[in-house]
Amino acid sequence: MNRLTQISFTAAPAALLAGSLLKRLPGADAVGGPWWAAAHAVLLAGFLMFGVMLLALRRMAGPVTGGWRAAADVATAMALLSTAANAIGLAVDLYNRFESPRVAAWEPFVYGAAFAALVALASVLAVLHRVTVLSAAVTATGVAVLIGGLLEPALTPVGMALIWLGTLLLSRGPAEPAGQIGYRLH
C-alpha cells in the first residue's frame, strides 16, 4: 500500500467525523458562514479520501472470480458512485455558498449508500479472508450507529468514531499467516 492509501484509512473517517462535529457548532447552520464552509470543506476532503480508501479495499479483494468478484465490484461501484455524488454536492455547495433544498432532501440516502456499500465490501473481504471478521463487524456496527444518528443526532459522532476504528482494522488486512491468504469458500 502506498502512503496516500495508508493515510486514507485514517484521514477519510477522521475528516468525516470532524466535518460532522463542525456542523454542530453554534452558527454552523448559517449557510455560507465560516463554520458552514469549514464543515463542508472538511467533509469534501473526507469523501475524496474515502474514495481512495474504497479503491484500496477493492484491491485487497485481489483476483477473485465468479460471484465474489461481482459482489466486490458491485459494492465498490456503489460506494464510489455515492462518494462521488457526495463530493460533487459538497463542492457545488461550497462554490455557490448555498445548500440546495432539493439536494438536502436526498442527501441522507446518497450519504448512507456509501456506508452501506462499505459494509458490503468489508463483508465480502471478511468472507474471502482478506480482512478479519472483527474489522468488518466493527465497521458494520459503526454504520448501524450512524444510521441511528438520523433519529438521535448525538449518535452520529459515535457511529463515525466506530467506522474510523473499523477502517483502521480493515487496513491491517487478515490476521492469518501469509500462506493462508487466498483461502476461498466454495
Protein backbone atom coordinates (compact mmCIF):
# COMPACT_ATOMS: atom_id res chain seq x y z
CA MET A 1 0.00 0.00 0.00
CA ASN A 2 1.36 3.41 -0.89
CA ARG A 3 1.49 6.22 1.65
CA LEU A 4 -1.63 8.05 0.38
CA THR A 5 -3.64 4.85 0.59
CA GLN A 6 -2.43 4.17 4.12
CA ILE A 7 -3.32 7.70 5.16
CA SER A 8 -6.79 7.40 3.60
CA PHE A 9 -7.83 4.69 6.09
CA THR A 10 -7.29 7.22 8.89
CA ALA A 11 -7.92 10.54 7.14
CA ALA A 12 -11.24 9.68 5.49
CA PRO A 13 -13.21 8.72 8.60
CA ALA A 14 -11.38 11.33 10.70
CA ALA A 15 -12.36 14.09 8.27
CA LEU A 16 -15.95 12.85 8.07
CA LEU A 17 -16.13 12.81 11.86
CA ALA A 18 -14.59 16.29 12.09
CA GLY A 19 -16.98 17.63 9.44
CA SER A 20 -20.00 16.23 11.26
CA LEU A 21 -18.76 17.80 14.51
CA LEU A 22 -18.15 21.15 12.82
CA LYS A 23 -21.74 21.12 11.58
CA ARG A 24 -22.86 21.04 15.22
CA LEU A 25 -21.06 24.23 16.26
CA PRO A 26 -23.15 27.31 17.01
CA GLY A 27 -23.62 29.25 13.80
CA ALA A 28 -22.69 26.31 11.58
CA ASP A 29 -26.22 26.21 10.24
CA ALA A 30 -25.78 29.72 8.80
CA VAL A 31 -25.44 28.82 5.13
CA GLY A 32 -22.27 30.31 3.70
CA GLY A 33 -20.89 31.20 7.13
CA PRO A 34 -17.35 30.28 8.25
CA TRP A 35 -18.30 27.17 10.24
CA TRP A 36 -20.64 26.00 7.49
CA ALA A 37 -17.84 26.44 4.91
CA ALA A 38 -15.29 24.73 7.16
CA ALA A 39 -17.61 21.77 7.73
CA HIS A 40 -18.28 21.43 4.01
CA ALA A 41 -14.57 21.69 3.11
CA VAL A 42 -13.59 19.05 5.68
CA LEU A 43 -16.42 16.75 4.56
CA LEU A 44 -15.33 17.18 0.93
CA ALA A 45 -11.75 16.20 1.84
CA GLY A 46 -13.14 13.24 3.79
CA PHE A 47 -15.17 11.95 0.86
CA LEU A 48 -12.23 12.34 -1.53
CA MET A 49 -10.06 10.27 0.82
CA PHE A 50 -12.96 7.83 1.26
CA GLY A 51 -12.76 7.20 -2.49
CA VAL A 52 -9.04 6.40 -2.23
CA MET A 53 -9.76 4.04 0.67
CA LEU A 54 -12.53 2.26 -1.29
CA LEU A 55 -10.21 1.59 -4.21
CA ALA A 56 -7.63 0.17 -1.79
CA LEU A 57 -10.26 -2.10 -0.25
CA ARG A 58 -11.21 -3.39 -3.69
CA ARG A 59 -7.54 -4.12 -4.42
CA MET A 60 -7.40 -6.07 -1.15
CA ALA A 61 -10.02 -8.46 -2.55
CA GLY A 62 -7.42 -9.43 -5.12
CA PRO A 63 -8.04 -11.50 -8.19
CA VAL A 64 -11.27 -13.25 -7.25
CA THR A 65 -13.65 -14.83 -9.74
CA GLY A 66 -17.32 -15.56 -10.06
CA GLY A 67 -19.85 -14.30 -7.58
CA TRP A 68 -17.31 -12.91 -5.13
CA ARG A 69 -15.76 -10.77 -7.84
CA ALA A 70 -19.18 -9.49 -8.83
CA ALA A 71 -20.03 -8.75 -5.19
CA ALA A 72 -16.77 -6.88 -4.64
CA ASP A 73 -17.13 -4.94 -7.89
CA VAL A 74 -20.77 -4.00 -7.30
CA ALA A 75 -20.11 -2.90 -3.70
CA THR A 76 -17.12 -0.86 -4.83
CA ALA A 77 -19.01 0.74 -7.71
CA MET A 78 -21.97 1.61 -5.48
CA ALA A 79 -19.69 3.11 -2.85
CA LEU A 80 -17.68 5.10 -5.39
CA LEU A 81 -20.80 6.47 -7.10
CA SER A 82 -22.28 7.53 -3.77
CA THR A 83 -18.96 9.00 -2.66
CA ALA A 84 -18.64 10.95 -5.92
CA ALA A 85 -22.21 12.25 -5.56
CA ASN A 86 -21.45 13.42 -2.03
CA ALA A 87 -18.20 15.08 -3.09
CA ILE A 88 -19.83 16.81 -6.06
CA GLY A 89 -22.72 18.03 -3.91
CA LEU A 90 -20.33 19.43 -1.32
CA ALA A 91 -18.16 21.08 -3.99
CA VAL A 92 -21.22 22.70 -5.61
CA ASP A 93 -22.42 23.91 -2.21
CA LEU A 94 -19.02 25.42 -1.47
CA TYR A 95 -18.75 27.03 -4.89
CA ASN A 96 -22.23 28.53 -4.73
CA ARG A 97 -22.16 29.10 -0.95
CA PHE A 98 -25.57 27.57 -0.51
CA GLU A 99 -27.18 24.24 0.18
CA SER A 100 -29.89 23.36 -2.30
CA PRO A 101 -33.10 22.17 -0.59
CA ARG A 102 -33.61 19.69 -3.42
CA VAL A 103 -30.24 18.11 -2.73
CA ALA A 104 -30.68 18.19 1.04
CA ALA A 105 -33.81 16.00 0.78
CA TRP A 106 -32.00 13.07 -0.81
CA GLU A 107 -28.65 13.65 0.88
CA PRO A 108 -29.16 11.03 3.66
CA PHE A 109 -29.78 8.34 1.05
CA VAL A 110 -26.70 9.18 -1.00
CA TYR A 111 -24.63 9.64 2.15
CA GLY A 112 -25.89 6.33 3.54
CA ALA A 113 -25.31 4.40 0.33
CA ALA A 114 -21.56 4.95 0.59
CA PHE A 115 -21.52 3.48 4.09
CA ALA A 116 -23.87 0.61 3.22
CA ALA A 117 -21.59 -0.30 0.34
CA LEU A 118 -18.57 -0.06 2.66
CA VAL A 119 -20.22 -2.67 4.90
CA ALA A 120 -20.94 -4.88 1.90
CA LEU A 121 -17.35 -4.63 0.69
CA ALA A 122 -15.94 -5.26 4.19
CA SER A 123 -18.21 -8.31 4.49
CA VAL A 124 -17.01 -9.71 1.16
CA LEU A 125 -13.40 -9.15 2.23
CA ALA A 126 -14.06 -10.94 5.53
CA VAL A 127 -15.60 -13.94 3.74
CA LEU A 128 -12.59 -14.04 1.42
CA HIS A 129 -10.31 -13.86 4.50
CA ARG A 130 -8.68 -10.65 3.25
CA VAL A 131 -9.65 -8.85 6.49
CA THR A 132 -10.69 -10.04 9.91
CA VAL A 133 -14.33 -10.65 10.76
CA LEU A 134 -13.84 -8.27 13.70
CA SER A 135 -12.86 -5.40 11.38
CA ALA A 136 -15.95 -5.95 9.22
CA ALA A 137 -18.16 -6.24 12.32
CA VAL A 138 -16.83 -3.02 13.89
CA THR A 139 -17.35 -1.21 10.58
CA ALA A 140 -20.90 -2.56 10.29
CA THR A 141 -21.65 -1.58 13.90
CA GLY A 142 -20.40 1.93 13.20
CA VAL A 143 -22.68 2.23 10.18
CA ALA A 144 -25.64 0.93 12.21
CA VAL A 145 -24.97 3.51 14.93
CA LEU A 146 -24.55 6.21 12.25
CA ILE A 147 -27.98 5.28 10.87
CA GLY A 148 -29.31 5.60 14.42
CA GLY A 149 -27.94 9.13 14.28
CA LEU A 150 -30.76 10.01 11.90
CA LEU A 151 -33.13 9.57 14.84
CA GLU A 152 -30.80 10.67 17.61
CA PRO A 153 -28.16 13.11 16.28
CA ALA A 154 -25.91 12.54 19.31
CA LEU A 155 -25.17 9.06 17.91
CA THR A 156 -23.64 10.40 14.69
CA PRO A 157 -20.16 11.11 16.13
CA VAL A 158 -20.20 7.74 17.92
CA GLY A 159 -21.03 5.98 14.65
CA MET A 160 -18.31 7.88 12.80
CA ALA A 161 -15.77 7.01 15.51
CA LEU A 162 -16.68 3.32 15.23
CA ILE A 163 -16.37 3.49 11.44
CA TRP A 164 -12.96 5.09 11.93
CA LEU A 165 -11.89 2.21 14.18
CA GLY A 166 -13.35 -0.28 11.71
CA THR A 167 -11.45 1.18 8.76
CA LEU A 168 -8.22 1.19 10.76
CA LEU A 169 -8.77 -2.50 11.44
CA LEU A 170 -9.67 -3.14 7.79
CA SER A 171 -6.40 -1.54 6.68
CA ARG A 172 -4.47 -4.15 8.66
CA GLY A 173 -5.76 -6.95 6.43
CA PRO A 174 -6.11 -10.54 7.60
CA ALA A 175 -4.86 -11.92 10.88
CA GLU A 176 -3.85 -15.20 9.24
CA PRO A 177 -0.31 -16.13 8.23
CA ALA A 178 0.63 -15.07 4.71
CA GLY A 179 0.48 -18.67 3.46
CA GLN A 180 -3.23 -18.88 4.25
CA ILE A 181 -4.26 -15.69 2.49
CA GLY A 182 -6.29 -16.54 -0.55
CA TYR A 183 -8.35 -19.28 1.02
CA ARG A 184 -11.77 -19.19 -0.61
CA LEU A 185 -15.12 -20.59 0.40
CA HIS A 186 -16.65 -22.81 -2.25
